[in-house]
Amino acid sequence: LLVLDEPTVGLDPVLRADLWDRFARLAHSGTTLLVSSHVMDEADHCDELLLMREARVIAHTTPNQLREDTRCQSLEEAFLSIIRRGTAARTG
């Protein structure tokens, strides 16, 4: 098990790409990687997503399924869509 907290934040694009390639090789060799990040493009590298807001799980899905379910192109847009829907439901 490898736990990573925002593993590529602040790195240049070449180093980021290299690290994600290394993480993918580790995952394919059987290592479980747990990535914690608020940067949604990092989430796009993951097989599964567990999205949280205010200490609550709001989605457990895959990147592609999240985009499909929300009809959004980016994960950031999809996440914001879920948040806005939840906020509207609480206030509406």
N, C-alpha and C. Protein backbone atom coordinates (compact mmCIF):
# COMPACT_ATOMS: atom_id res chain seq x y z
N LEU A 1 0.85 -1.18 0.00
CA LEU A 1 0.00 0.00 0.00
C LEU A 1 0.90 1.23 0.00
N LEU A 2 0.64 2.12 -0.95
CA LEU A 2 1.38 3.38 -1.04
C LEU A 2 0.36 4.51 -0.92
N VAL A 3 0.49 5.33 0.12
CA VAL A 3 -0.42 6.45 0.36
C VAL A 3 0.26 7.72 -0.13
N LEU A 4 -0.43 8.44 -1.01
CA LEU A 4 0.12 9.65 -1.63
C LEU A 4 -0.82 10.82 -1.39
N ASP A 5 -0.30 11.90 -0.84
CA ASP A 5 -1.09 13.10 -0.60
C ASP A 5 -0.65 14.18 -1.58
N GLU A 6 -1.50 14.46 -2.56
CA GLU A 6 -1.20 15.44 -3.60
C GLU A 6 0.22 15.23 -4.15
N PRO A 7 0.46 14.07 -4.72
CA PRO A 7 1.83 13.68 -5.07
C PRO A 7 2.53 14.52 -6.13
N THR A 8 1.78 15.21 -6.98
CA THR A 8 2.47 15.94 -8.05
C THR A 8 2.23 17.44 -8.02
N VAL A 9 1.61 17.94 -6.97
CA VAL A 9 1.33 19.38 -6.87
C VAL A 9 2.65 20.15 -6.81
N GLY A 10 2.77 21.16 -7.65
CA GLY A 10 3.95 22.00 -7.66
C GLY A 10 5.10 21.49 -8.51
N LEU A 11 4.93 20.35 -9.14
CA LEU A 11 5.99 19.80 -9.98
C LEU A 11 5.82 20.24 -11.43
N ASP A 12 6.92 20.26 -12.17
CA ASP A 12 6.83 20.64 -13.57
C ASP A 12 6.15 19.51 -14.36
N PRO A 13 5.58 19.81 -15.53
CA PRO A 13 4.81 18.82 -16.29
C PRO A 13 5.58 17.55 -16.65
N VAL A 14 6.86 17.66 -16.96
CA VAL A 14 7.64 16.48 -17.33
C VAL A 14 7.79 15.54 -16.14
N LEU A 15 8.12 16.09 -14.98
CA LEU A 15 8.26 15.27 -13.78
C LEU A 15 6.92 14.67 -13.37
N ARG A 16 5.83 15.44 -13.51
CA ARG A 16 4.50 14.92 -13.19
C ARG A 16 4.18 13.70 -14.05
N ALA A 17 4.41 13.82 -15.36
CA ALA A 17 4.13 12.71 -16.28
C ALA A 17 4.97 11.49 -15.91
N ASP A 18 6.23 11.71 -15.58
CA ASP A 18 7.11 10.61 -15.18
C ASP A 18 6.60 9.92 -13.92
N LEU A 19 6.20 10.71 -12.94
CA LEU A 19 5.68 10.11 -11.70
C LEU A 19 4.41 9.31 -11.94
N TRP A 20 3.48 9.84 -12.74
CA TRP A 20 2.25 9.09 -13.01
C TRP A 20 2.55 7.80 -13.77
N ASP A 21 3.55 7.82 -14.65
CA ASP A 21 3.98 6.57 -15.31
C ASP A 21 4.50 5.57 -14.29
N ARG A 22 5.29 6.05 -13.34
CA ARG A 22 5.82 5.17 -12.29
C ARG A 22 4.70 4.64 -11.41
N PHE A 23 3.75 5.50 -11.05
CA PHE A 23 2.62 5.06 -10.24
C PHE A 23 1.81 3.99 -10.98
N ALA A 24 1.62 4.17 -12.29
CA ALA A 24 0.88 3.19 -13.09
C ALA A 24 1.60 1.85 -13.10
N ARG A 25 2.91 1.87 -13.24
CA ARG A 25 3.68 0.62 -13.22
C ARG A 25 3.56 -0.07 -11.87
N LEU A 26 3.61 0.71 -10.79
CA LEU A 26 3.44 0.13 -9.46
C LEU A 26 2.06 -0.51 -9.32
N ALA A 27 1.04 0.18 -9.79
CA ALA A 27 -0.33 -0.36 -9.70
C ALA A 27 -0.46 -1.64 -10.52
N HIS A 28 0.11 -1.65 -11.71
CA HIS A 28 0.03 -2.84 -12.56
C HIS A 28 0.80 -4.02 -11.98
N SER A 29 1.79 -3.72 -11.14
CA SER A 29 2.56 -4.80 -10.51
C SER A 29 1.91 -5.31 -9.23
N GLY A 30 0.76 -4.70 -8.85
CA GLY A 30 0.03 -5.20 -7.70
C GLY A 30 0.01 -4.29 -6.49
N THR A 31 0.71 -3.17 -6.55
CA THR A 31 0.70 -2.23 -5.43
C THR A 31 -0.60 -1.44 -5.43
N THR A 32 -1.20 -1.29 -4.28
CA THR A 32 -2.38 -0.44 -4.14
C THR A 32 -1.92 0.97 -3.83
N LEU A 33 -2.42 1.93 -4.61
CA LEU A 33 -2.08 3.33 -4.38
C LEU A 33 -3.34 4.06 -3.91
N LEU A 34 -3.21 4.78 -2.83
CA LEU A 34 -4.29 5.62 -2.31
C LEU A 34 -3.84 7.06 -2.48
N VAL A 35 -4.53 7.79 -3.35
CA VAL A 35 -4.16 9.16 -3.67
C VAL A 35 -5.18 10.11 -3.07
N SER A 36 -4.71 11.04 -2.27
CA SER A 36 -5.56 12.09 -1.70
C SER A 36 -5.19 13.39 -2.38
N SER A 37 -6.20 14.07 -2.97
CA SER A 37 -5.89 15.32 -3.66
C SER A 37 -7.15 16.13 -3.88
N HIS A 38 -6.98 17.44 -3.86
CA HIS A 38 -8.06 18.33 -4.27
C HIS A 38 -7.89 18.75 -5.72
N VAL A 39 -6.81 18.30 -6.35
CA VAL A 39 -6.52 18.62 -7.74
C VAL A 39 -7.16 17.54 -8.62
N MET A 40 -8.20 17.92 -9.34
CA MET A 40 -8.99 16.93 -10.05
C MET A 40 -8.27 16.29 -11.23
N ASP A 41 -7.26 16.94 -11.82
CA ASP A 41 -6.55 16.26 -12.90
C ASP A 41 -5.71 15.11 -12.35
N GLU A 42 -5.35 15.14 -11.08
CA GLU A 42 -4.69 13.99 -10.47
C GLU A 42 -5.67 12.83 -10.34
N ALA A 43 -6.92 13.16 -10.02
CA ALA A 43 -7.95 12.13 -9.87
C ALA A 43 -8.19 11.39 -11.18
N ASP A 44 -7.94 12.06 -12.29
CA ASP A 44 -8.16 11.44 -13.60
C ASP A 44 -7.21 10.28 -13.86
N HIS A 45 -6.14 10.18 -13.10
CA HIS A 45 -5.19 9.08 -13.25
C HIS A 45 -5.60 7.85 -12.45
N CYS A 46 -6.64 7.97 -11.66
CA CYS A 46 -7.03 6.89 -10.74
C CYS A 46 -8.09 5.99 -11.36
N ASP A 47 -8.10 4.73 -10.94
CA ASP A 47 -9.10 3.77 -11.41
C ASP A 47 -10.45 4.00 -10.75
N GLU A 48 -10.43 4.36 -9.48
CA GLU A 48 -11.66 4.60 -8.72
C GLU A 48 -11.55 5.94 -8.01
N LEU A 49 -12.71 6.57 -7.82
CA LEU A 49 -12.77 7.85 -7.11
C LEU A 49 -13.71 7.74 -5.92
N LEU A 50 -13.30 8.32 -4.84
CA LEU A 50 -14.16 8.50 -3.68
C LEU A 50 -14.16 10.00 -3.41
N LEU A 51 -15.23 10.66 -3.79
CA LEU A 51 -15.30 12.12 -3.64
C LEU A 51 -15.96 12.45 -2.32
N MET A 52 -15.34 13.39 -1.60
CA MET A 52 -15.85 13.78 -0.29
C MET A 52 -16.04 15.29 -0.23
N ARG A 53 -17.01 15.68 0.58
CA ARG A 53 -17.28 17.10 0.82
C ARG A 53 -17.82 17.21 2.24
N GLU A 54 -17.19 18.06 3.04
CA GLU A 54 -17.61 18.27 4.43
C GLU A 54 -17.69 16.95 5.19
N ALA A 55 -16.65 16.14 5.05
CA ALA A 55 -16.49 14.86 5.75
C ALA A 55 -17.53 13.81 5.37
N ARG A 56 -18.18 13.99 4.22
CA ARG A 56 -19.17 13.02 3.75
C ARG A 56 -18.79 12.54 2.36
N VAL A 57 -19.00 11.25 2.11
CA VAL A 57 -18.79 10.69 0.78
C VAL A 57 -19.96 11.12 -0.10
N ILE A 58 -19.65 11.77 -1.21
CA ILE A 58 -20.71 12.20 -2.12
C ILE A 58 -20.74 11.39 -3.42
N ALA A 59 -19.67 10.63 -3.68
CA ALA A 59 -19.65 9.76 -4.86
C ALA A 59 -18.55 8.72 -4.72
N HIS A 60 -18.83 7.51 -5.16
CA HIS A 60 -17.85 6.44 -5.28
C HIS A 60 -18.04 5.88 -6.68
N THR A 61 -17.09 6.19 -7.57
CA THR A 61 -17.29 5.92 -8.98
C THR A 61 -15.93 5.84 -9.69
N THR A 62 -15.95 5.87 -10.99
CA THR A 62 -14.73 5.96 -11.80
C THR A 62 -14.71 7.32 -12.49
N PRO A 63 -13.54 7.76 -12.95
CA PRO A 63 -13.50 9.05 -13.65
C PRO A 63 -14.47 9.11 -14.84
N ASN A 64 -14.45 8.08 -15.68
CA ASN A 64 -15.33 8.09 -16.85
C ASN A 64 -16.80 8.05 -16.47
N GLN A 65 -17.14 7.24 -15.48
CA GLN A 65 -18.53 7.16 -15.06
C GLN A 65 -19.01 8.48 -14.47
N LEU A 66 -18.15 9.15 -13.72
CA LEU A 66 -18.51 10.44 -13.15
C LEU A 66 -18.80 11.46 -14.24
N ARG A 67 -17.94 11.50 -15.26
CA ARG A 67 -18.17 12.42 -16.38
C ARG A 67 -19.48 12.08 -17.10
N GLU A 68 -19.71 10.79 -17.30
CA GLU A 68 -20.94 10.36 -17.98
C GLU A 68 -22.18 10.71 -17.15
N ASP A 69 -22.14 10.41 -15.87
CA ASP A 69 -23.30 10.65 -15.00
C ASP A 69 -23.66 12.13 -14.89
N THR A 70 -22.65 12.98 -14.93
CA THR A 70 -22.89 14.42 -14.76
C THR A 70 -22.96 15.16 -16.10
N ARG A 71 -22.64 14.45 -17.18
CA ARG A 71 -22.59 15.05 -18.52
C ARG A 71 -21.60 16.21 -18.58
N CYS A 72 -20.49 16.05 -17.87
CA CYS A 72 -19.43 17.06 -17.85
C CYS A 72 -18.18 16.49 -18.52
N GLN A 73 -17.39 17.35 -19.13
CA GLN A 73 -16.18 16.88 -19.79
C GLN A 73 -15.01 16.72 -18.83
N SER A 74 -14.91 17.59 -17.85
CA SER A 74 -13.79 17.50 -16.92
C SER A 74 -14.27 17.00 -15.56
N LEU A 75 -13.36 16.40 -14.81
CA LEU A 75 -13.70 15.94 -13.47
C LEU A 75 -14.01 17.11 -12.55
N GLU A 76 -13.32 18.21 -12.74
CA GLU A 76 -13.59 19.38 -11.91
C GLU A 76 -15.01 19.88 -12.13
N GLU A 77 -15.43 19.97 -13.39
CA GLU A 77 -16.81 20.36 -13.69
C GLU A 77 -17.80 19.37 -13.08
N ALA A 78 -17.48 18.08 -13.18
CA ALA A 78 -18.36 17.04 -12.64
C ALA A 78 -18.50 17.17 -11.13
N PHE A 79 -17.38 17.36 -10.45
CA PHE A 79 -17.40 17.52 -8.99
C PHE A 79 -18.24 18.74 -8.61
N LEU A 80 -18.01 19.85 -9.28
CA LEU A 80 -18.77 21.07 -8.98
C LEU A 80 -20.26 20.87 -9.27
N SER A 81 -20.57 20.11 -10.31
CA SER A 81 -21.97 19.82 -10.63
C SER A 81 -22.65 19.07 -9.49
N ILE A 82 -21.96 18.09 -8.93
CA ILE A 82 -22.52 17.33 -7.80
C ILE A 82 -22.71 18.24 -6.60
N ILE A 83 -21.74 19.08 -6.33
CA ILE A 83 -21.83 20.00 -5.19
C ILE A 83 -23.01 20.96 -5.37
N ARG A 84 -23.13 21.52 -6.56
CA ARG A 84 -24.22 22.47 -6.82
C ARG A 84 -25.58 21.79 -6.69
N ARG A 85 -25.69 20.57 -7.20
CA ARG A 85 -26.94 19.82 -7.08
C ARG A 85 -27.30 19.59 -5.62
N GLY A 86 -26.30 19.21 -4.83
CA GLY A 86 -26.53 18.98 -3.41
C GLY A 86 -26.91 20.24 -2.67
N THR A 87 -26.27 21.35 -3.01
CA THR A 87 -26.58 22.62 -2.38
C THR A 87 -27.99 23.06 -2.75
N ALA A 88 -28.35 22.89 -4.02
CA ALA A 88 -29.70 23.27 -4.47
C ALA A 88 -30.75 22.42 -3.77
N ALA A 89 -30.46 21.14 -3.58
CA ALA A 89 -31.41 20.25 -2.92
C ALA A 89 -31.62 20.66 -1.46
N ARG A 90 -30.55 21.11 -0.79
CA ARG A 90 -30.66 21.50 0.61
C ARG A 90 -31.36 22.84 0.78
N THR A 91 -31.19 23.73 -0.22
CA THR A 91 -31.78 25.07 -0.07
C THR A 91 -33.11 25.20 -0.81
N GLY A 92 -33.39 24.28 -1.74
CA GLY A 92 -34.59 24.40 -2.56
C GLY A 92 -35.68 23.67 -1.97
